[in-house]
Amino acid sequence: MPAGLPEGKIAAGFRQVMRAIAQGKAARIYVAQDAQESIRAQAIAAAEAAGVPVEQAESMAVLGRACRISVSCAAAAVLK
């Protein structure tokens, strides 16, 4: 995963990512490898069902920094 997510709108956090997928707004999602397994499984399953590409992030801390937020996060989405 790149050091930072692409410029533009992003959704950071599991709930926001799931909402973006459900609303058809997610172009790509990132899931942290050290996130809770149930969260990872739900996000990946929802993305695959919606045809949204999934990429793995090294850790929740790295994903939080890539989202330009001060906390870690389990999932993030680049919005269309």
PDB file of N, CA and C in Angstrom:
ATOM      1  N   MET A   1       0.832  -1.177   0.000  1.00  0.00           N
ATOM      2  CA  MET A   1       0.000   0.000   0.000  1.00  0.00           C
ATOM      3  C   MET A   1       0.874   1.237   0.000  1.00  0.00           C
ATOM      4  N   PRO A   2       0.474   2.276  -0.703  1.00  0.00           N
ATOM      5  CA  PRO A   2       1.264   3.502  -0.722  1.00  0.00           C
ATOM      6  C   PRO A   2       1.315   4.158   0.652  1.00  0.00           C
ATOM      7  N   ALA A   3       2.277   5.048   0.834  1.00  0.00           N
ATOM      8  CA  ALA A   3       2.441   5.725   2.118  1.00  0.00           C
ATOM      9  C   ALA A   3       1.191   6.511   2.496  1.00  0.00           C
ATOM     10  N   GLY A   4       0.495   7.057   1.531  1.00  0.00           N
ATOM     11  CA  GLY A   4      -0.747   7.782   1.788  1.00  0.00           C
ATOM     12  C   GLY A   4      -1.785   7.375   0.774  1.00  0.00           C
ATOM     13  N   LEU A   5      -3.014   7.422   1.169  1.00  0.00           N
ATOM     14  CA  LEU A   5      -4.074   7.102   0.219  1.00  0.00           C
ATOM     15  C   LEU A   5      -4.154   8.196  -0.829  1.00  0.00           C
ATOM     16  N   PRO A   6      -4.703   7.899  -1.988  1.00  0.00           N
ATOM     17  CA  PRO A   6      -4.793   8.920  -3.031  1.00  0.00           C
ATOM     18  C   PRO A   6      -5.542  10.152  -2.548  1.00  0.00           C
ATOM     19  N   GLU A   7      -5.187  11.291  -3.111  1.00  0.00           N
ATOM     20  CA  GLU A   7      -5.886  12.523  -2.763  1.00  0.00           C
ATOM     21  C   GLU A   7      -7.357  12.380  -3.122  1.00  0.00           C
ATOM     22  N   GLY A   8      -8.186  13.058  -2.418  1.00  0.00           N
ATOM     23  CA  GLY A   8      -9.615  12.976  -2.664  1.00  0.00           C
ATOM     24  C   GLY A   8     -10.323  12.496  -1.418  1.00  0.00           C
ATOM     25  N   LYS A   9     -11.551  12.138  -1.589  1.00  0.00           N
ATOM     26  CA  LYS A   9     -12.360  11.744  -0.441  1.00  0.00           C
ATOM     27  C   LYS A   9     -12.063  10.307  -0.029  1.00  0.00           C
ATOM     28  N   ILE A  10     -11.989  10.128   1.290  1.00  0.00           N
ATOM     29  CA  ILE A  10     -11.780   8.805   1.844  1.00  0.00           C
ATOM     30  C   ILE A  10     -12.770   8.590   2.984  1.00  0.00           C
ATOM     31  N   ALA A  11     -13.018   7.350   3.293  1.00  0.00           N
ATOM     32  CA  ALA A  11     -13.804   6.969   4.461  1.00  0.00           C
ATOM     33  C   ALA A  11     -12.869   6.168   5.350  1.00  0.00           C
ATOM     34  N   ALA A  12     -12.702   6.599   6.582  1.00  0.00           N
ATOM     35  CA  ALA A  12     -11.804   5.921   7.515  1.00  0.00           C
ATOM     36  C   ALA A  12     -12.620   5.290   8.633  1.00  0.00           C
ATOM     37  N   GLY A  13     -12.391   4.019   8.868  1.00  0.00           N
ATOM     38  CA  GLY A  13     -13.097   3.311   9.921  1.00  0.00           C
ATOM     39  C   GLY A  13     -14.070   2.292   9.337  1.00  0.00           C
ATOM     40  N   PHE A  14     -14.287   1.239  10.099  1.00  0.00           N
ATOM     41  CA  PHE A  14     -15.101   0.123   9.634  1.00  0.00           C
ATOM     42  C   PHE A  14     -16.517   0.549   9.264  1.00  0.00           C
ATOM     43  N   ARG A  15     -17.192   1.288  10.133  1.00  0.00           N
ATOM     44  CA  ARG A  15     -18.588   1.670   9.861  1.00  0.00           C
ATOM     45  C   ARG A  15     -18.703   2.544   8.618  1.00  0.00           C
ATOM     46  N   GLN A  16     -17.812   3.509   8.488  1.00  0.00           N
ATOM     47  CA  GLN A  16     -17.856   4.386   7.313  1.00  0.00           C
ATOM     48  C   GLN A  16     -17.574   3.603   6.036  1.00  0.00           C
ATOM     49  N   VAL A  17     -16.654   2.658   6.096  1.00  0.00           N
ATOM     50  CA  VAL A  17     -16.329   1.834   4.926  1.00  0.00           C
ATOM     51  C   VAL A  17     -17.526   0.978   4.533  1.00  0.00           C
ATOM     52  N   MET A  18     -18.152   0.353   5.512  1.00  0.00           N
ATOM     53  CA  MET A  18     -19.320  -0.484   5.221  1.00  0.00           C
ATOM     54  C   MET A  18     -20.460   0.356   4.627  1.00  0.00           C
ATOM     55  N   ARG A  19     -20.652   1.551   5.129  1.00  0.00           N
ATOM     56  CA  ARG A  19     -21.679   2.448   4.596  1.00  0.00           C
ATOM     57  C   ARG A  19     -21.348   2.841   3.155  1.00  0.00           C
ATOM     58  N   ALA A  20     -20.087   3.153   2.894  1.00  0.00           N
ATOM     59  CA  ALA A  20     -19.672   3.541   1.539  1.00  0.00           C
ATOM     60  C   ALA A  20     -19.869   2.389   0.553  1.00  0.00           C
ATOM     61  N   ILE A  21     -19.570   1.170   0.967  1.00  0.00           N
ATOM     62  CA  ILE A  21     -19.774   0.006   0.100  1.00  0.00           C
ATOM     63  C   ILE A  21     -21.267  -0.170  -0.190  1.00  0.00           C
ATOM     64  N   ALA A  22     -22.089  -0.101   0.867  1.00  0.00           N
ATOM     65  CA  ALA A  22     -23.533  -0.299   0.716  1.00  0.00           C
ATOM     66  C   ALA A  22     -24.165   0.752  -0.195  1.00  0.00           C
ATOM     67  N   GLN A  23     -23.633   1.972  -0.147  1.00  0.00           N
ATOM     68  CA  GLN A  23     -24.178   3.061  -0.953  1.00  0.00           C
ATOM     69  C   GLN A  23     -23.551   3.128  -2.345  1.00  0.00           C
ATOM     70  N   GLY A  24     -22.627   2.225  -2.642  1.00  0.00           N
ATOM     71  CA  GLY A  24     -21.979   2.197  -3.947  1.00  0.00           C
ATOM     72  C   GLY A  24     -20.991   3.324  -4.159  1.00  0.00           C
ATOM     73  N   LYS A  25     -20.469   3.878  -3.080  1.00  0.00           N
ATOM     74  CA  LYS A  25     -19.548   5.013  -3.169  1.00  0.00           C
ATOM     75  C   LYS A  25     -18.077   4.620  -3.071  1.00  0.00           C
ATOM     76  N   ALA A  26     -17.785   3.371  -2.695  1.00  0.00           N
ATOM     77  CA  ALA A  26     -16.395   2.941  -2.511  1.00  0.00           C
ATOM     78  C   ALA A  26     -15.791   2.501  -3.838  1.00  0.00           C
ATOM     79  N   ALA A  27     -14.633   3.069  -4.169  1.00  0.00           N
ATOM     80  CA  ALA A  27     -13.913   2.671  -5.385  1.00  0.00           C
ATOM     81  C   ALA A  27     -12.909   1.567  -5.073  1.00  0.00           C
ATOM     82  N   ARG A  28     -12.355   1.571  -3.858  1.00  0.00           N
ATOM     83  CA  ARG A  28     -11.361   0.582  -3.412  1.00  0.00           C
ATOM     84  C   ARG A  28     -11.328   0.639  -1.894  1.00  0.00           C
ATOM     85  N   ILE A  29     -11.119  -0.514  -1.259  1.00  0.00           N
ATOM     86  CA  ILE A  29     -10.975  -0.492   0.197  1.00  0.00           C
ATOM     87  C   ILE A  29      -9.627  -1.067   0.604  1.00  0.00           C
ATOM     88  N   TYR A  30      -9.193  -0.656   1.779  1.00  0.00           N
ATOM     89  CA  TYR A  30      -7.970  -1.152   2.393  1.00  0.00           C
ATOM     90  C   TYR A  30      -8.349  -1.725   3.754  1.00  0.00           C
ATOM     91  N   VAL A  31      -7.827  -2.903   4.082  1.00  0.00           N
ATOM     92  CA  VAL A  31      -8.110  -3.552   5.358  1.00  0.00           C
ATOM     93  C   VAL A  31      -6.785  -3.850   6.045  1.00  0.00           C
ATOM     94  N   ALA A  32      -6.688  -3.461   7.316  1.00  0.00           N
ATOM     95  CA  ALA A  32      -5.456  -3.688   8.070  1.00  0.00           C
ATOM     96  C   ALA A  32      -5.294  -5.164   8.406  1.00  0.00           C
ATOM     97  N   GLN A  33      -4.080  -5.668   8.238  1.00  0.00           N
ATOM     98  CA  GLN A  33      -3.802  -7.080   8.502  1.00  0.00           C
ATOM     99  C   GLN A  33      -3.952  -7.439   9.979  1.00  0.00           C
ATOM    100  N   ASP A  34      -3.765  -6.467  10.876  1.00  0.00           N
ATOM    101  CA  ASP A  34      -3.866  -6.755  12.306  1.00  0.00           C
ATOM    102  C   ASP A  34      -5.226  -6.390  12.893  1.00  0.00           C
ATOM    103  N   ALA A  35      -6.196  -6.097  12.044  1.00  0.00           N
ATOM    104  CA  ALA A  35      -7.547  -5.803  12.518  1.00  0.00           C
ATOM    105  C   ALA A  35      -8.212  -7.084  13.006  1.00  0.00           C
ATOM    106  N   GLN A  36      -9.216  -6.931  13.847  1.00  0.00           N
ATOM    107  CA  GLN A  36      -9.969  -8.084  14.353  1.00  0.00           C
ATOM    108  C   GLN A  36     -10.497  -8.895  13.172  1.00  0.00           C
ATOM    109  N   GLU A  37     -10.382 -10.198  13.246  1.00  0.00           N
ATOM    110  CA  GLU A  37     -10.715 -11.071  12.115  1.00  0.00           C
ATOM    111  C   GLU A  37     -12.162 -10.919  11.668  1.00  0.00           C
ATOM    112  N   SER A  38     -13.087 -10.748  12.599  1.00  0.00           N
ATOM    113  CA  SER A  38     -14.494 -10.600  12.202  1.00  0.00           C
ATOM    114  C   SER A  38     -14.709  -9.321  11.399  1.00  0.00           C
ATOM    115  N   ILE A  39     -14.011  -8.265  11.751  1.00  0.00           N
ATOM    116  CA  ILE A  39     -14.115  -6.997  11.008  1.00  0.00           C
ATOM    117  C   ILE A  39     -13.512  -7.168   9.619  1.00  0.00           C
ATOM    118  N   ARG A  40     -12.344  -7.799   9.559  1.00  0.00           N
ATOM    119  CA  ARG A  40     -11.705  -8.037   8.264  1.00  0.00           C
ATOM    120  C   ARG A  40     -12.617  -8.850   7.354  1.00  0.00           C
ATOM    121  N   ALA A  41     -13.181  -9.919   7.888  1.00  0.00           N
ATOM    122  CA  ALA A  41     -14.020 -10.818   7.089  1.00  0.00           C
ATOM    123  C   ALA A  41     -15.268 -10.100   6.574  1.00  0.00           C
ATOM    124  N   GLN A  42     -15.918  -9.313   7.421  1.00  0.00           N
ATOM    125  CA  GLN A  42     -17.126  -8.591   7.009  1.00  0.00           C
ATOM    126  C   GLN A  42     -16.813  -7.570   5.914  1.00  0.00           C
ATOM    127  N   ALA A  43     -15.741  -6.806   6.093  1.00  0.00           N
ATOM    128  CA  ALA A  43     -15.389  -5.780   5.112  1.00  0.00           C
ATOM    129  C   ALA A  43     -15.011  -6.408   3.776  1.00  0.00           C
ATOM    130  N   ILE A  44     -14.219  -7.464   3.812  1.00  0.00           N
ATOM    131  CA  ILE A  44     -13.786  -8.120   2.577  1.00  0.00           C
ATOM    132  C   ILE A  44     -14.977  -8.755   1.863  1.00  0.00           C
ATOM    133  N   ALA A  45     -15.855  -9.421   2.616  1.00  0.00           N
ATOM    134  CA  ALA A  45     -17.027 -10.058   2.006  1.00  0.00           C
ATOM    135  C   ALA A  45     -17.941  -9.026   1.364  1.00  0.00           C
ATOM    136  N   ALA A  46     -18.177  -7.909   2.044  1.00  0.00           N
ATOM    137  CA  ALA A  46     -19.047  -6.859   1.494  1.00  0.00           C
ATOM    138  C   ALA A  46     -18.433  -6.260   0.239  1.00  0.00           C
ATOM    139  N   ALA A  47     -17.126  -6.025   0.264  1.00  0.00           N
ATOM    140  CA  ALA A  47     -16.452  -5.438  -0.899  1.00  0.00           C
ATOM    141  C   ALA A  47     -16.491  -6.395  -2.086  1.00  0.00           C
ATOM    142  N   GLU A  48     -16.203  -7.655  -1.843  1.00  0.00           N
ATOM    143  CA  GLU A  48     -16.214  -8.630  -2.937  1.00  0.00           C
ATOM    144  C   GLU A  48     -17.614  -8.775  -3.528  1.00  0.00           C
ATOM    145  N   ALA A  49     -18.641  -8.755  -2.672  1.00  0.00           N
ATOM    146  CA  ALA A  49     -20.020  -8.869  -3.152  1.00  0.00           C
ATOM    147  C   ALA A  49     -20.403  -7.664  -4.012  1.00  0.00           C
ATOM    148  N   ALA A  50     -19.826  -6.503  -3.703  1.00  0.00           N
ATOM    149  CA  ALA A  50     -20.128  -5.283  -4.444  1.00  0.00           C
ATOM    150  C   ALA A  50     -19.163  -5.060  -5.609  1.00  0.00           C
ATOM    151  N   GLY A  51     -18.177  -5.943  -5.762  1.00  0.00           N
ATOM    152  CA  GLY A  51     -17.206  -5.798  -6.840  1.00  0.00           C
ATOM    153  C   GLY A  51     -16.189  -4.699  -6.607  1.00  0.00           C
ATOM    154  N   VAL A  52     -15.916  -4.407  -5.333  1.00  0.00           N
ATOM    155  CA  VAL A  52     -14.950  -3.360  -4.968  1.00  0.00           C
ATOM    156  C   VAL A  52     -13.604  -4.025  -4.687  1.00  0.00           C
ATOM    157  N   PRO A  53     -12.532  -3.553  -5.314  1.00  0.00           N
ATOM    158  CA  PRO A  53     -11.201  -4.131  -5.059  1.00  0.00           C
ATOM    159  C   PRO A  53     -10.774  -3.958  -3.593  1.00  0.00           C
ATOM    160  N   VAL A  54     -10.078  -4.965  -3.070  1.00  0.00           N
ATOM    161  CA  VAL A  54      -9.616  -4.957  -1.678  1.00  0.00           C
ATOM    162  C   VAL A  54      -8.099  -5.043  -1.671  1.00  0.00           C
ATOM    163  N   GLU A  55      -7.459  -4.197  -0.871  1.00  0.00           N
ATOM    164  CA  GLU A  55      -6.013  -4.263  -0.674  1.00  0.00           C
ATOM    165  C   GLU A  55      -5.729  -4.385   0.809  1.00  0.00           C
ATOM    166  N   GLN A  56      -4.618  -5.001   1.132  1.00  0.00           N
ATOM    167  CA  GLN A  56      -4.216  -5.198   2.525  1.00  0.00           C
ATOM    168  C   GLN A  56      -3.273  -4.071   2.947  1.00  0.00           C
ATOM    169  N   ALA A  57      -3.463  -3.588   4.165  1.00  0.00           N
ATOM    170  CA  ALA A  57      -2.556  -2.604   4.762  1.00  0.00           C
ATOM    171  C   ALA A  57      -1.734  -3.320   5.821  1.00  0.00           C
ATOM    172  N   GLU A  58      -0.517  -2.885   6.018  1.00  0.00           N
ATOM    173  CA  GLU A  58       0.409  -3.538   6.943  1.00  0.00           C
ATOM    174  C   GLU A  58      -0.151  -3.612   8.364  1.00  0.00           C
ATOM    175  N   SER A  59      -0.720  -2.510   8.846  1.00  0.00           N
ATOM    176  CA  SER A  59      -1.253  -2.487  10.210  1.00  0.00           C
ATOM    177  C   SER A  59      -2.303  -1.383  10.331  1.00  0.00           C
ATOM    178  N   MET A  60      -3.019  -1.411  11.446  1.00  0.00           N
ATOM    179  CA  MET A  60      -4.021  -0.379  11.702  1.00  0.00           C
ATOM    180  C   MET A  60      -3.354   0.992  11.868  1.00  0.00           C
ATOM    181  N   ALA A  61      -2.193   1.022  12.495  1.00  0.00           N
ATOM    182  CA  ALA A  61      -1.484   2.288  12.694  1.00  0.00           C
ATOM    183  C   ALA A  61      -1.055   2.883  11.353  1.00  0.00           C
ATOM    184  N   VAL A  62      -0.530   2.047  10.473  1.00  0.00           N
ATOM    185  CA  VAL A  62      -0.100   2.513   9.146  1.00  0.00           C
ATOM    186  C   VAL A  62      -1.304   3.009   8.356  1.00  0.00           C
ATOM    187  N   LEU A  63      -2.413   2.299   8.439  1.00  0.00           N
ATOM    188  CA  LEU A  63      -3.611   2.707   7.706  1.00  0.00           C
ATOM    189  C   LEU A  63      -4.149   4.032   8.246  1.00  0.00           C
ATOM    190  N   GLY A  64      -4.119   4.217   9.543  1.00  0.00           N
ATOM    191  CA  GLY A  64      -4.548   5.492  10.125  1.00  0.00           C
ATOM    192  C   GLY A  64      -3.694   6.647   9.628  1.00  0.00           C
ATOM    193  N   ARG A  65      -2.379   6.447   9.587  1.00  0.00           N
ATOM    194  CA  ARG A  65      -1.487   7.506   9.084  1.00  0.00           C
ATOM    195  C   ARG A  65      -1.747   7.777   7.608  1.00  0.00           C
ATOM    196  N   ALA A  66      -1.994   6.712   6.833  1.00  0.00           N
ATOM    197  CA  ALA A  66      -2.271   6.883   5.404  1.00  0.00           C
ATOM    198  C   ALA A  66      -3.555   7.676   5.177  1.00  0.00           C
ATOM    199  N   CYS A  67      -4.491   7.554   6.114  1.00  0.00           N
ATOM    200  CA  CYS A  67      -5.754   8.292   6.028  1.00  0.00           C
ATOM    201  C   CYS A  67      -5.620   9.712   6.562  1.00  0.00           C
ATOM    202  N   ARG A  68      -4.450  10.044   7.052  1.00  0.00           N
ATOM    203  CA  ARG A  68      -4.183  11.362   7.609  1.00  0.00           C
ATOM    204  C   ARG A  68      -5.052  11.650   8.838  1.00  0.00           C
ATOM    205  N   ILE A  69      -5.234  10.614   9.697  1.00  0.00           N
ATOM    206  CA  ILE A  69      -5.945  10.795  10.956  1.00  0.00           C
ATOM    207  C   ILE A  69      -4.998  10.440  12.097  1.00  0.00           C
ATOM    208  N   SER A  70      -5.319  10.892  13.297  1.00  0.00           N
ATOM    209  CA  SER A  70      -4.394  10.732  14.423  1.00  0.00           C
ATOM    210  C   SER A  70      -4.588   9.433  15.192  1.00  0.00           C
ATOM    211  N   VAL A  71      -5.494   8.575  14.736  1.00  0.00           N
ATOM    212  CA  VAL A  71      -5.718   7.288  15.394  1.00  0.00           C
ATOM    213  C   VAL A  71      -5.596   6.169  14.367  1.00  0.00           C
ATOM    214  N   SER A  72      -5.484   4.951  14.845  1.00  0.00           N
ATOM    215  CA  SER A  72      -5.414   3.817  13.918  1.00  0.00           C
ATOM    216  C   SER A  72      -6.825   3.466  13.451  1.00  0.00           C
ATOM    217  N   CYS A  73      -6.909   2.744  12.330  1.00  0.00           N
ATOM    218  CA  CYS A  73      -8.215   2.305  11.850  1.00  0.00           C
ATOM    219  C   CYS A  73      -8.074   0.942  11.175  1.00  0.00           C
ATOM    220  N   ALA A  74      -9.160   0.182  11.250  1.00  0.00           N
ATOM    221  CA  ALA A  74      -9.148  -1.184  10.721  1.00  0.00           C
ATOM    222  C   ALA A  74      -9.369  -1.228   9.221  1.00  0.00           C
ATOM    223  N   ALA A  75     -10.122  -0.250   8.708  1.00  0.00           N
ATOM    224  CA  ALA A  75     -10.448  -0.248   7.279  1.00  0.00           C
ATOM    225  C   ALA A  75     -10.574   1.186   6.780  1.00  0.00           C
ATOM    226  N   ALA A  76     -10.346   1.343   5.493  1.00  0.00           N
ATOM    227  CA  ALA A  76     -10.494   2.647   4.847  1.00  0.00           C
ATOM    228  C   ALA A  76     -10.951   2.420   3.412  1.00  0.00           C
ATOM    229  N   ALA A  77     -11.619   3.414   2.873  1.00  0.00           N
ATOM    230  CA  ALA A  77     -12.076   3.326   1.487  1.00  0.00           C
ATOM    231  C   ALA A  77     -11.750   4.611   0.756  1.00  0.00           C
ATOM    232  N   VAL A  78     -11.356   4.449  -0.493  1.00  0.00           N
ATOM    233  CA  VAL A  78     -11.224   5.591  -1.403  1.00  0.00           C
ATOM    234  C   VAL A  78     -12.582   5.711  -2.079  1.00  0.00           C
ATOM    235  N   LEU A  79     -13.167   6.889  -2.019  1.00  0.00           N
ATOM    236  CA  LEU A  79     -14.503   7.084  -2.556  1.00  0.00           C
ATOM    237  C   LEU A  79     -14.466   7.507  -4.021  1.00  0.00           C
ATOM    238  N   LYS A  80     -15.511   7.159  -4.733  1.00  0.00           N
ATOM    239  CA  LYS A  80     -15.627   7.508  -6.161  1.00  0.00           C
ATOM    240  C   LYS A  80     -15.828   8.997  -6.324  1.00  0.00           C
TER     241      LYS A  80
END
